[in-house]
Amino acid sequence: MSYLVYILECCDKTLYAGSTTDLPKRVNEHNNTKAGAKYTRGRRPVKVVYTRKYKTLALARQNEAKIKRLSKEEKLKLIALFSLKTS
C-alpha cells in the first residue's frame, strides 16, 4: 500500500495539505460530503495540484506536517516544481 500526500487548491486560491491512501475518494469527500475537512467545506470546489507517494504512513504524515508549516509562497514553489516534473 502506498500513502499519498496532496495539496488542494480551493476555489478562493488558498491551499490545503492532507494525506490519504485513496486520493479520488478523498477529493470527492472534500468536494461533496461532510467527511471532507472543515477547512475545505466552505471553499469548494477544490482541485489537486500536488501529490507525492510514500511507502509508510509515518513518512507521509511527517511530510504532510512539513508542507503544512510552509508559507503559501513556499507551497507554490513546491507545486511549480511538481508541475515541471510531471509535464
C-alpha atoms as a PDB file:
ATOM      1  CA  MET A   1       0.000   0.000   0.000  1.00  0.00           C
ATOM      2  CA  SER A   2       1.223   3.482  -0.757  1.00  0.00           C
ATOM      3  CA  TYR A   3       0.341   6.665   1.062  1.00  0.00           C
ATOM      4  CA  LEU A   4      -0.165   9.969  -0.709  1.00  0.00           C
ATOM      5  CA  VAL A   5       0.453  13.480   0.495  1.00  0.00           C
ATOM      6  CA  TYR A   6      -1.525  16.002  -1.521  1.00  0.00           C
ATOM      7  CA  ILE A   7      -2.112  19.717  -1.812  1.00  0.00           C
ATOM      8  CA  LEU A   8      -5.502  21.029  -2.876  1.00  0.00           C
ATOM      9  CA  GLU A   9      -6.206  24.442  -4.324  1.00  0.00           C
ATOM     10  CA  CYS A  10      -9.533  25.752  -3.076  1.00  0.00           C
ATOM     11  CA  CYS A  11     -11.863  27.993  -5.095  1.00  0.00           C
ATOM     12  CA  ASP A  12     -10.582  31.025  -3.158  1.00  0.00           C
ATOM     13  CA  LYS A  13      -6.966  30.120  -4.162  1.00  0.00           C
ATOM     14  CA  THR A  14      -5.990  29.019  -0.666  1.00  0.00           C
ATOM     15  CA  LEU A  15      -4.076  25.755  -0.284  1.00  0.00           C
ATOM     16  CA  TYR A  16      -4.840  22.715   1.865  1.00  0.00           C
ATOM     17  CA  ALA A  17      -2.474  19.784   2.530  1.00  0.00           C
ATOM     18  CA  GLY A  18      -3.509  16.299   3.566  1.00  0.00           C
ATOM     19  CA  SER A  19      -2.673  12.610   3.257  1.00  0.00           C
ATOM     20  CA  THR A  20      -4.624   9.547   2.146  1.00  0.00           C
ATOM     21  CA  THR A  21      -4.429   6.093   0.602  1.00  0.00           C
ATOM     22  CA  ASP A  22      -7.289   6.769  -1.844  1.00  0.00           C
ATOM     23  CA  LEU A  23      -6.975  10.178  -3.499  1.00  0.00           C
ATOM     24  CA  PRO A  24     -10.095  10.095  -5.738  1.00  0.00           C
ATOM     25  CA  LYS A  25     -12.254   9.133  -2.740  1.00  0.00           C
ATOM     26  CA  ARG A  26     -10.684  11.807  -0.540  1.00  0.00           C
ATOM     27  CA  VAL A  27     -11.083  14.568  -3.130  1.00  0.00           C
ATOM     28  CA  ASN A  28     -14.725  13.555  -3.566  1.00  0.00           C
ATOM     29  CA  GLU A  29     -15.157  13.826   0.208  1.00  0.00           C
ATOM     30  CA  HIS A  30     -13.585  17.296   0.217  1.00  0.00           C
ATOM     31  CA  ASN A  31     -15.864  18.413  -2.617  1.00  0.00           C
ATOM     32  CA  ASN A  32     -19.153  16.689  -1.824  1.00  0.00           C
ATOM     33  CA  THR A  33     -19.526  15.390   1.718  1.00  0.00           C
ATOM     34  CA  LYS A  34     -19.238  16.296   5.367  1.00  0.00           C
ATOM     35  CA  ALA A  35     -16.328  13.824   5.603  1.00  0.00           C
ATOM     36  CA  GLY A  36     -14.117  16.421   3.893  1.00  0.00           C
ATOM     37  CA  ALA A  37     -12.021  18.723   6.035  1.00  0.00           C
ATOM     38  CA  LYS A  38     -13.897  21.555   7.707  1.00  0.00           C
ATOM     39  CA  TYR A  39     -11.448  23.981   6.070  1.00  0.00           C
ATOM     40  CA  THR A  40     -12.343  22.862   2.539  1.00  0.00           C
ATOM     41  CA  ARG A  41     -16.121  22.634   3.067  1.00  0.00           C
ATOM     42  CA  GLY A  42     -16.533  26.388   2.745  1.00  0.00           C
ATOM     43  CA  ARG A  43     -14.058  26.672  -0.115  1.00  0.00           C
ATOM     44  CA  ARG A  44     -15.447  24.242  -2.683  1.00  0.00           C
ATOM     45  CA  PRO A  45     -14.687  23.138  -5.294  1.00  0.00           C
ATOM     46  CA  VAL A  46     -11.129  22.010  -4.663  1.00  0.00           C
ATOM     47  CA  LYS A  47      -8.657  20.566  -7.141  1.00  0.00           C
ATOM     48  CA  VAL A  48      -5.475  18.543  -6.680  1.00  0.00           C
ATOM     49  CA  VAL A  49      -2.320  20.497  -7.532  1.00  0.00           C
ATOM     50  CA  TYR A  50       0.351  18.279  -5.929  1.00  0.00           C
ATOM     51  CA  THR A  51       0.808  14.645  -4.941  1.00  0.00           C
ATOM     52  CA  ARG A  52       3.697  12.570  -3.686  1.00  0.00           C
ATOM     53  CA  LYS A  53       3.789   8.878  -2.742  1.00  0.00           C
ATOM     54  CA  TYR A  54       5.344   7.409   0.401  1.00  0.00           C
ATOM     55  CA  LYS A  55       5.861   3.798   1.451  1.00  0.00           C
ATOM     56  CA  THR A  56       4.777   4.266   5.050  1.00  0.00           C
ATOM     57  CA  LEU A  57       2.090   6.208   6.849  1.00  0.00           C
ATOM     58  CA  ALA A  58       4.717   7.645   9.189  1.00  0.00           C
ATOM     59  CA  LEU A  59       6.686   9.167   6.289  1.00  0.00           C
ATOM     60  CA  ALA A  60       3.537  10.519   4.681  1.00  0.00           C
ATOM     61  CA  ARG A  61       2.337  12.173   7.889  1.00  0.00           C
ATOM     62  CA  GLN A  62       5.808  13.565   8.600  1.00  0.00           C
ATOM     63  CA  ASN A  63       5.971  15.177   5.159  1.00  0.00           C
ATOM     64  CA  GLU A  64       2.381  16.390   5.356  1.00  0.00           C
ATOM     65  CA  ALA A  65       3.313  18.205   8.575  1.00  0.00           C
ATOM     66  CA  LYS A  66       6.352  19.767   6.870  1.00  0.00           C
ATOM     67  CA  ILE A  67       4.204  21.015   4.000  1.00  0.00           C
ATOM     68  CA  LYS A  68       1.643  22.482   6.403  1.00  0.00           C
ATOM     69  CA  ARG A  69       4.416  24.518   8.034  1.00  0.00           C
ATOM     70  CA  LEU A  70       5.498  26.049   4.715  1.00  0.00           C
ATOM     71  CA  SER A  71       4.396  29.527   3.733  1.00  0.00           C
ATOM     72  CA  LYS A  72       1.996  29.854   0.827  1.00  0.00           C
ATOM     73  CA  GLU A  73       4.874  31.097  -1.320  1.00  0.00           C
ATOM     74  CA  GLU A  74       6.947  28.014  -0.463  1.00  0.00           C
ATOM     75  CA  LYS A  75       3.992  25.724  -1.213  1.00  0.00           C
ATOM     76  CA  LEU A  76       3.542  27.399  -4.602  1.00  0.00           C
ATOM     77  CA  LYS A  77       7.224  26.775  -5.384  1.00  0.00           C
ATOM     78  CA  LEU A  78       6.801  23.112  -4.439  1.00  0.00           C
ATOM     79  CA  ILE A  79       3.733  22.869  -6.684  1.00  0.00           C
ATOM     80  CA  ALA A  80       5.636  24.526  -9.561  1.00  0.00           C
ATOM     81  CA  LEU A  81       8.492  22.003  -9.195  1.00  0.00           C
ATOM     82  CA  PHE A  82       5.981  19.156  -9.171  1.00  0.00           C
ATOM     83  CA  SER A  83       4.339  20.533 -12.321  1.00  0.00           C
ATOM     84  CA  LEU A  84       7.685  20.641 -14.111  1.00  0.00           C
ATOM     85  CA  LYS A  85       8.426  17.015 -13.217  1.00  0.00           C
ATOM     86  CA  THR A  86       5.035  15.756 -14.385  1.00  0.00           C
ATOM     87  CA  SER A  87       4.946  17.730 -17.640  1.00  0.00           C
END
